[in-house]
Structures are given as C-alpha cells and as structure tokens.
N, C-alpha and C. Protein backbone atom coordinates (compact mmCIF):
# COMPACT_ATOMS: atom_id res chain seq x y z
N UNK A 1 -121.68 -136.10 -117.96
CA UNK A 1 -122.72 -135.05 -118.23
C UNK A 1 -123.46 -134.74 -116.82
N UNK A 2 -123.95 -136.02 -116.19
CA UNK A 2 -124.72 -136.11 -115.12
C UNK A 2 -123.75 -135.79 -113.78
N UNK A 3 -122.58 -136.29 -113.96
CA UNK A 3 -121.51 -135.98 -112.78
C UNK A 3 -121.26 -134.49 -112.60
N UNK A 4 -121.15 -133.72 -113.78
CA UNK A 4 -120.95 -132.28 -113.85
C UNK A 4 -122.31 -131.66 -113.22
N UNK A 5 -123.24 -132.14 -113.53
CA UNK A 5 -124.62 -131.39 -112.80
C UNK A 5 -124.44 -131.53 -111.31
N UNK A 6 -124.22 -132.75 -111.06
CA UNK A 6 -124.10 -132.96 -109.44
C UNK A 6 -123.10 -132.38 -108.76
N UNK A 7 -121.74 -132.15 -109.30
CA UNK A 7 -120.85 -131.56 -108.90
C UNK A 7 -120.93 -130.03 -108.82
N UNK A 8 -121.66 -129.36 -109.79
CA UNK A 8 -122.09 -128.10 -110.15
C UNK A 8 -123.19 -127.75 -108.84
N UNK A 9 -124.00 -128.76 -108.57
CA UNK A 9 -125.11 -128.46 -107.70
C UNK A 9 -124.43 -128.30 -106.26
N UNK A 10 -123.55 -129.24 -105.84
CA UNK A 10 -122.88 -128.77 -104.76
C UNK A 10 -122.10 -127.71 -104.45
N UNK A 11 -121.44 -127.32 -105.44
CA UNK A 11 -120.80 -125.98 -105.46
C UNK A 11 -121.72 -124.80 -105.16
N UNK A 12 -122.74 -125.11 -105.98
CA UNK A 12 -123.73 -123.80 -105.64
C UNK A 12 -124.48 -123.89 -104.27
N UNK A 13 -124.96 -125.06 -103.96
CA UNK A 13 -125.33 -125.20 -102.48
C UNK A 13 -124.26 -124.73 -101.43
N UNK A 14 -123.02 -125.18 -101.48
CA UNK A 14 -121.97 -124.70 -100.62
C UNK A 14 -121.89 -123.28 -100.57
N UNK A 15 -121.76 -122.51 -101.72
CA UNK A 15 -121.57 -121.12 -102.10
C UNK A 15 -122.68 -120.47 -101.46
N UNK A 16 -123.98 -120.84 -101.90
CA UNK A 16 -125.21 -120.31 -101.16
C UNK A 16 -125.51 -120.20 -99.89
N UNK A 17 -124.75 -121.45 -99.12
CA UNK A 17 -125.20 -121.64 -97.78
C UNK A 17 -124.08 -120.74 -97.01
N UNK A 18 -122.74 -120.51 -97.55
CA UNK A 18 -121.82 -119.72 -96.87
C UNK A 18 -122.29 -118.35 -97.10
N UNK A 19 -122.65 -117.96 -98.28
CA UNK A 19 -123.17 -116.28 -98.31
C UNK A 19 -124.43 -116.20 -97.53
N UNK A 20 -125.44 -117.16 -97.48
CA UNK A 20 -126.58 -116.97 -96.93
C UNK A 20 -126.57 -116.86 -95.30
N UNK A 21 -125.47 -117.82 -94.88
CA UNK A 21 -125.41 -117.67 -93.41
C UNK A 21 -124.73 -116.51 -93.02
N UNK A 22 -123.80 -116.00 -93.50
CA UNK A 22 -123.19 -114.68 -93.33
C UNK A 22 -124.00 -113.54 -93.23
N UNK A 23 -124.99 -113.50 -94.16
CA UNK A 23 -125.78 -112.12 -94.23
C UNK A 23 -126.77 -112.53 -93.29
N UNK A 24 -127.36 -113.66 -93.00
CA UNK A 24 -128.21 -113.86 -91.88
C UNK A 24 -127.72 -113.54 -90.55
N UNK A 25 -126.50 -113.79 -90.28
CA UNK A 25 -125.67 -113.39 -88.86
C UNK A 25 -125.63 -111.69 -89.04
N UNK A 26 -125.24 -111.29 -90.05
CA UNK A 26 -125.08 -109.70 -89.83
C UNK A 26 -126.52 -109.09 -89.96
N UNK A 27 -127.59 -109.80 -90.64
CA UNK A 27 -128.84 -109.25 -90.41
C UNK A 27 -129.25 -109.25 -89.02
N UNK A 28 -129.07 -110.39 -88.38
CA UNK A 28 -129.45 -110.61 -86.79
C UNK A 28 -128.72 -109.52 -85.85
N UNK A 29 -127.34 -109.31 -86.34
CA UNK A 29 -126.58 -108.28 -85.41
C UNK A 29 -127.24 -106.80 -85.59
N UNK A 30 -127.67 -106.55 -86.78
CA UNK A 30 -128.06 -105.22 -86.96
C UNK A 30 -129.67 -105.22 -86.38
N UNK A 31 -130.57 -106.14 -86.47
CA UNK A 31 -131.72 -106.30 -85.71
C UNK A 31 -131.46 -106.23 -84.21
N UNK A 32 -130.47 -106.79 -83.55
CA UNK A 32 -130.22 -106.56 -82.09
C UNK A 32 -129.82 -105.21 -81.84
N UNK A 33 -129.09 -104.47 -82.80
CA UNK A 33 -128.78 -103.36 -82.54
C UNK A 33 -129.86 -102.25 -82.43
N UNK A 34 -130.69 -102.53 -83.39
CA UNK A 34 -132.09 -101.62 -83.65
C UNK A 34 -132.78 -102.01 -82.16
N UNK A 35 -132.91 -103.25 -81.65
CA UNK A 35 -133.66 -103.69 -80.51
C UNK A 35 -133.02 -102.83 -79.30
N UNK A 36 -131.74 -102.70 -79.27
CA UNK A 36 -131.17 -102.05 -78.18
C UNK A 36 -131.11 -100.43 -78.41
N UNK A 37 -131.62 -99.84 -79.42
CA UNK A 37 -131.68 -98.49 -79.80
C UNK A 37 -130.13 -97.89 -79.58
N UNK A 38 -129.21 -98.67 -80.18
CA UNK A 38 -127.96 -98.13 -80.22
C UNK A 38 -127.42 -98.20 -81.56
N UNK A 39 -125.78 -97.95 -81.59
CA UNK A 39 -125.08 -98.14 -82.83
C UNK A 39 -124.66 -99.53 -82.87
N UNK A 40 -124.16 -99.93 -84.21
CA UNK A 40 -123.62 -101.25 -84.40
C UNK A 40 -122.39 -101.42 -83.44
N UNK A 41 -121.44 -100.39 -83.52
CA UNK A 41 -120.24 -100.68 -82.73
C UNK A 41 -120.56 -100.72 -81.26
N UNK A 42 -121.55 -100.34 -80.46
CA UNK A 42 -122.01 -100.28 -79.32
C UNK A 42 -122.41 -101.76 -79.04
N UNK A 43 -123.01 -102.60 -79.89
CA UNK A 43 -123.45 -103.78 -79.86
C UNK A 43 -122.21 -104.60 -80.02
N UNK A 44 -121.16 -104.51 -80.56
CA UNK A 44 -119.96 -105.31 -80.58
C UNK A 44 -119.30 -104.87 -79.44
N UNK A 45 -119.28 -103.68 -78.91
CA UNK A 45 -118.51 -103.50 -77.66
C UNK A 45 -119.25 -104.08 -76.36
N UNK A 46 -120.53 -104.16 -76.21
CA UNK A 46 -121.15 -104.66 -75.00
C UNK A 46 -121.45 -105.94 -75.33
N UNK A 47 -121.48 -106.55 -76.34
CA UNK A 47 -121.71 -108.04 -76.33
C UNK A 47 -120.65 -108.69 -77.11
N UNK A 48 -119.63 -109.42 -76.26
CA UNK A 48 -118.50 -109.81 -76.87
C UNK A 48 -118.76 -111.18 -77.86
N UNK A 49 -119.93 -111.88 -77.65
CA UNK A 49 -120.32 -113.02 -78.41
C UNK A 49 -120.70 -112.39 -79.91
N UNK A 50 -121.28 -111.34 -79.98
CA UNK A 50 -121.54 -111.03 -81.28
C UNK A 50 -120.16 -110.46 -81.88
N UNK A 51 -119.26 -109.83 -81.13
CA UNK A 51 -118.15 -109.49 -81.81
C UNK A 51 -117.22 -110.58 -82.15
N UNK A 52 -117.02 -111.85 -81.36
CA UNK A 52 -116.40 -112.95 -81.82
C UNK A 52 -117.04 -113.66 -82.89
N UNK A 53 -118.61 -113.71 -82.53
CA UNK A 53 -119.28 -114.41 -83.80
C UNK A 53 -119.16 -113.85 -85.07
N UNK A 54 -118.91 -112.49 -85.36
CA UNK A 54 -118.80 -111.96 -86.49
C UNK A 54 -117.60 -112.37 -87.37
N UNK A 55 -116.67 -113.00 -86.50
CA UNK A 55 -115.71 -113.53 -87.25
C UNK A 55 -115.91 -114.62 -88.28
N UNK A 56 -116.58 -115.61 -87.77
CA UNK A 56 -117.15 -116.74 -88.50
C UNK A 56 -117.80 -116.35 -89.76
N UNK A 57 -118.78 -115.37 -89.79
CA UNK A 57 -119.55 -115.21 -91.22
C UNK A 57 -118.54 -114.46 -92.04
N UNK A 58 -117.65 -113.49 -91.50
CA UNK A 58 -116.33 -113.04 -92.38
C UNK A 58 -115.69 -114.19 -93.07
N UNK A 59 -115.28 -115.12 -92.17
CA UNK A 59 -114.54 -116.28 -92.61
C UNK A 59 -115.20 -117.04 -93.94
N UNK A 60 -116.62 -117.11 -93.45
CA UNK A 60 -117.48 -117.80 -94.66
C UNK A 60 -117.35 -117.08 -95.88
N UNK A 61 -117.68 -115.84 -95.96
CA UNK A 61 -117.63 -115.20 -97.12
C UNK A 61 -116.23 -115.03 -97.80
N UNK A 62 -115.33 -115.05 -97.03
CA UNK A 62 -113.90 -115.11 -97.52
C UNK A 62 -113.59 -116.55 -98.20
N UNK A 63 -114.10 -117.70 -97.68
CA UNK A 63 -114.06 -119.08 -98.32
C UNK A 63 -114.85 -119.04 -99.45
N UNK A 64 -115.99 -118.50 -99.33
CA UNK A 64 -116.88 -118.69 -100.59
C UNK A 64 -116.14 -117.79 -101.74
N UNK A 65 -115.57 -116.66 -101.49
CA UNK A 65 -114.76 -116.06 -102.42
C UNK A 65 -113.69 -116.66 -102.98
N UNK A 66 -112.94 -117.41 -102.18
CA UNK A 66 -111.71 -118.27 -102.67
C UNK A 66 -112.28 -119.29 -103.49
N UNK A 67 -113.35 -120.17 -103.14
CA UNK A 67 -113.97 -121.11 -103.67
C UNK A 67 -114.22 -120.85 -105.22
N UNK A 68 -115.15 -119.61 -105.14
CA UNK A 68 -115.46 -119.17 -106.47
C UNK A 68 -114.20 -118.87 -107.40
N UNK A 69 -113.28 -118.15 -106.92
CA UNK A 69 -112.00 -117.96 -107.86
C UNK A 69 -111.19 -118.98 -108.25
N UNK A 70 -111.26 -120.12 -107.10
CA UNK A 70 -110.59 -121.26 -107.50
C UNK A 70 -111.10 -122.08 -108.71
N UNK A 71 -112.36 -122.04 -108.44
CA UNK A 71 -113.29 -122.87 -109.58
C UNK A 71 -112.96 -122.22 -110.85
N UNK A 72 -113.19 -120.86 -110.97
CA UNK A 72 -113.03 -120.31 -112.02
C UNK A 72 -111.83 -120.02 -112.79
N UNK A 73 -110.59 -120.04 -112.10
CA UNK A 73 -109.33 -119.94 -112.58
C UNK A 73 -108.58 -120.78 -112.51
N UNK A 74 -108.76 -121.83 -111.89
CA UNK A 74 -107.71 -122.88 -111.62
C UNK A 74 -107.45 -123.83 -112.95
N UNK A 75 -106.55 -124.31 -113.14
CA UNK A 75 -106.12 -125.22 -114.29
C UNK A 75 -105.93 -126.64 -113.60
N UNK A 76 -105.41 -126.61 -112.34
CA UNK A 76 -105.12 -127.98 -111.91
C UNK A 76 -106.23 -128.08 -110.68
N UNK A 77 -106.99 -129.18 -111.14
CA UNK A 77 -107.99 -129.53 -110.17
C UNK A 77 -107.70 -130.20 -108.78
N UNK A 78 -106.37 -130.54 -108.60
CA UNK A 78 -105.88 -130.93 -107.36
C UNK A 78 -105.86 -129.76 -106.49
N UNK A 79 -105.61 -128.60 -106.94
CA UNK A 79 -105.49 -127.56 -106.00
C UNK A 79 -107.01 -127.15 -105.47
N UNK A 80 -107.97 -127.21 -106.02
CA UNK A 80 -109.45 -127.13 -105.63
C UNK A 80 -109.59 -128.09 -104.52
N UNK A 81 -109.28 -129.60 -104.86
CA UNK A 81 -109.66 -130.41 -104.29
C UNK A 81 -108.68 -130.25 -102.87
N UNK A 82 -107.68 -130.06 -102.95
CA UNK A 82 -106.87 -129.46 -101.31
C UNK A 82 -107.50 -128.65 -100.90
N UNK A 83 -107.77 -127.50 -101.34
CA UNK A 83 -108.49 -126.55 -100.54
C UNK A 83 -109.93 -126.93 -100.08
N UNK A 84 -110.64 -127.62 -100.81
CA UNK A 84 -111.85 -128.07 -100.16
C UNK A 84 -111.53 -129.25 -98.94
N UNK A 85 -110.62 -129.94 -98.99
CA UNK A 85 -110.34 -130.76 -97.87
C UNK A 85 -109.83 -130.01 -96.75
N UNK A 86 -109.27 -129.17 -96.78
CA UNK A 86 -108.94 -128.09 -95.85
C UNK A 86 -109.89 -127.41 -95.21
N UNK A 87 -111.03 -126.89 -96.06
CA UNK A 87 -112.05 -126.37 -95.70
C UNK A 87 -112.91 -127.19 -94.91
N UNK A 88 -113.09 -128.58 -95.01
CA UNK A 88 -113.83 -129.44 -94.51
C UNK A 88 -113.37 -129.68 -93.11
N UNK A 89 -112.09 -129.64 -92.81
CA UNK A 89 -111.23 -129.69 -91.58
C UNK A 89 -111.61 -128.46 -91.08
N UNK A 90 -111.66 -127.17 -91.30
CA UNK A 90 -111.69 -126.09 -90.93
C UNK A 90 -113.00 -125.75 -90.32
N UNK A 91 -114.01 -126.23 -91.00
CA UNK A 91 -115.53 -126.06 -90.77
C UNK A 91 -115.64 -127.09 -89.48
N UNK A 92 -115.12 -127.93 -89.50
CA UNK A 92 -115.51 -129.03 -88.51
C UNK A 92 -114.84 -128.49 -87.16
N UNK A 93 -113.66 -127.66 -87.00
CA UNK A 93 -113.06 -127.17 -86.19
C UNK A 93 -113.80 -125.92 -85.68
N UNK A 94 -114.37 -125.26 -86.44
CA UNK A 94 -115.14 -124.08 -86.09
C UNK A 94 -116.81 -124.48 -85.73
N UNK A 95 -117.10 -125.63 -85.88
CA UNK A 95 -118.24 -126.30 -85.40
C UNK A 95 -119.22 -126.05 -86.41
N UNK A 96 -118.92 -125.57 -87.50
CA UNK A 96 -119.98 -125.62 -88.78
C UNK A 96 -120.14 -126.84 -89.32
N UNK A 97 -120.90 -127.66 -88.69
CA UNK A 97 -121.15 -129.00 -89.43
C UNK A 97 -121.88 -129.18 -90.67
N UNK A 98 -122.84 -128.16 -90.82
CA UNK A 98 -123.53 -128.29 -92.16
C UNK A 98 -122.49 -127.72 -93.17
N UNK A 99 -121.54 -126.83 -93.12
CA UNK A 99 -120.69 -126.37 -94.01
C UNK A 99 -119.57 -127.52 -94.29
N UNK A 100 -119.11 -128.16 -93.19
CA UNK A 100 -118.27 -129.23 -93.44
C UNK A 100 -118.85 -130.34 -94.13
N UNK A 101 -120.25 -130.89 -94.06
CA UNK A 101 -121.12 -131.88 -94.79
C UNK A 101 -121.06 -131.48 -96.25
N UNK A 102 -121.37 -130.19 -96.42
CA UNK A 102 -121.57 -129.68 -97.82
C UNK A 102 -120.08 -129.75 -98.51
N UNK A 103 -119.13 -129.23 -98.00
CA UNK A 103 -117.83 -129.21 -98.63
C UNK A 103 -117.21 -130.60 -98.58
N UNK A 104 -117.62 -131.66 -97.68
CA UNK A 104 -117.26 -132.96 -97.89
C UNK A 104 -117.84 -133.52 -99.28
N UNK A 105 -119.25 -133.41 -99.26
CA UNK A 105 -120.02 -133.89 -100.27
C UNK A 105 -119.43 -133.27 -101.69
N UNK A 106 -118.88 -132.05 -101.58
CA UNK A 106 -118.62 -131.36 -102.95
C UNK A 106 -117.13 -132.09 -103.27
N UNK A 107 -116.32 -132.33 -102.41
CA UNK A 107 -115.25 -133.11 -102.66
C UNK A 107 -115.31 -134.46 -102.98
N UNK A 108 -116.19 -135.29 -102.49
CA UNK A 108 -116.45 -136.56 -102.79
C UNK A 108 -116.87 -136.79 -104.22
N UNK A 109 -117.85 -135.59 -104.67
CA UNK A 109 -118.45 -135.75 -105.99
C UNK A 109 -117.61 -134.98 -107.18
N UNK A 110 -116.52 -134.42 -106.48
CA UNK A 110 -115.74 -133.61 -107.59
C UNK A 110 -114.66 -134.24 -108.21
C-alpha cells in the first residue's frame, strides 16, 4: 500500500513538473511579447532562442500526455518502465536535470 502511494506521488510530481514548466515558459514568452509591444510570431521570428526554446516545453507536454495514457491504459508494466528509462536519457540529453531526476525516481520506485 505504501509503495503504491510513493509510486503515485512520483508520477504526480513528474506530470505536474512537466506541465507547470511548459506553461511557465509559454507565459514567459507571452510576457516578453507584451513587453516588446508586438505579436507572438514576431517574438519567435526576432528571437531565435524563444523559437528553439519553445520546442522543449512542447516536448514536455507531449511526454506528460504519453506518460498519462501509458499509466492509464497499459497492461504491461514493462512498457511503462521502458518509456520512463528512455525519458530519463532524453531529459539528460536536453539538459532538463530536474525532469531526469524525477523520472529516475519514478522508475526506481515503480
């Protein structure tokens, strides 16, 4: 019982982190656009860092949705474990060490 609670806790923390970090980035991009008195597409055009950086929050939202649906629908727990191991590697490669740590803790406790 306690193990299931801990596993569920890491899942919720990881999902919450991915969703919150993505929305914070997009909120930041909108604030920068308002500050520049322009349109959002102008900010992406004039600042390539925002344009390239927007790929990572999209990837985090995509990963969160995959994790959610794998958790809900998978019968084979090894598929979820393989996905989480892949996620740890991907998060390290993209430099998201917090996401990698949370995914690792979820794999270890799962």
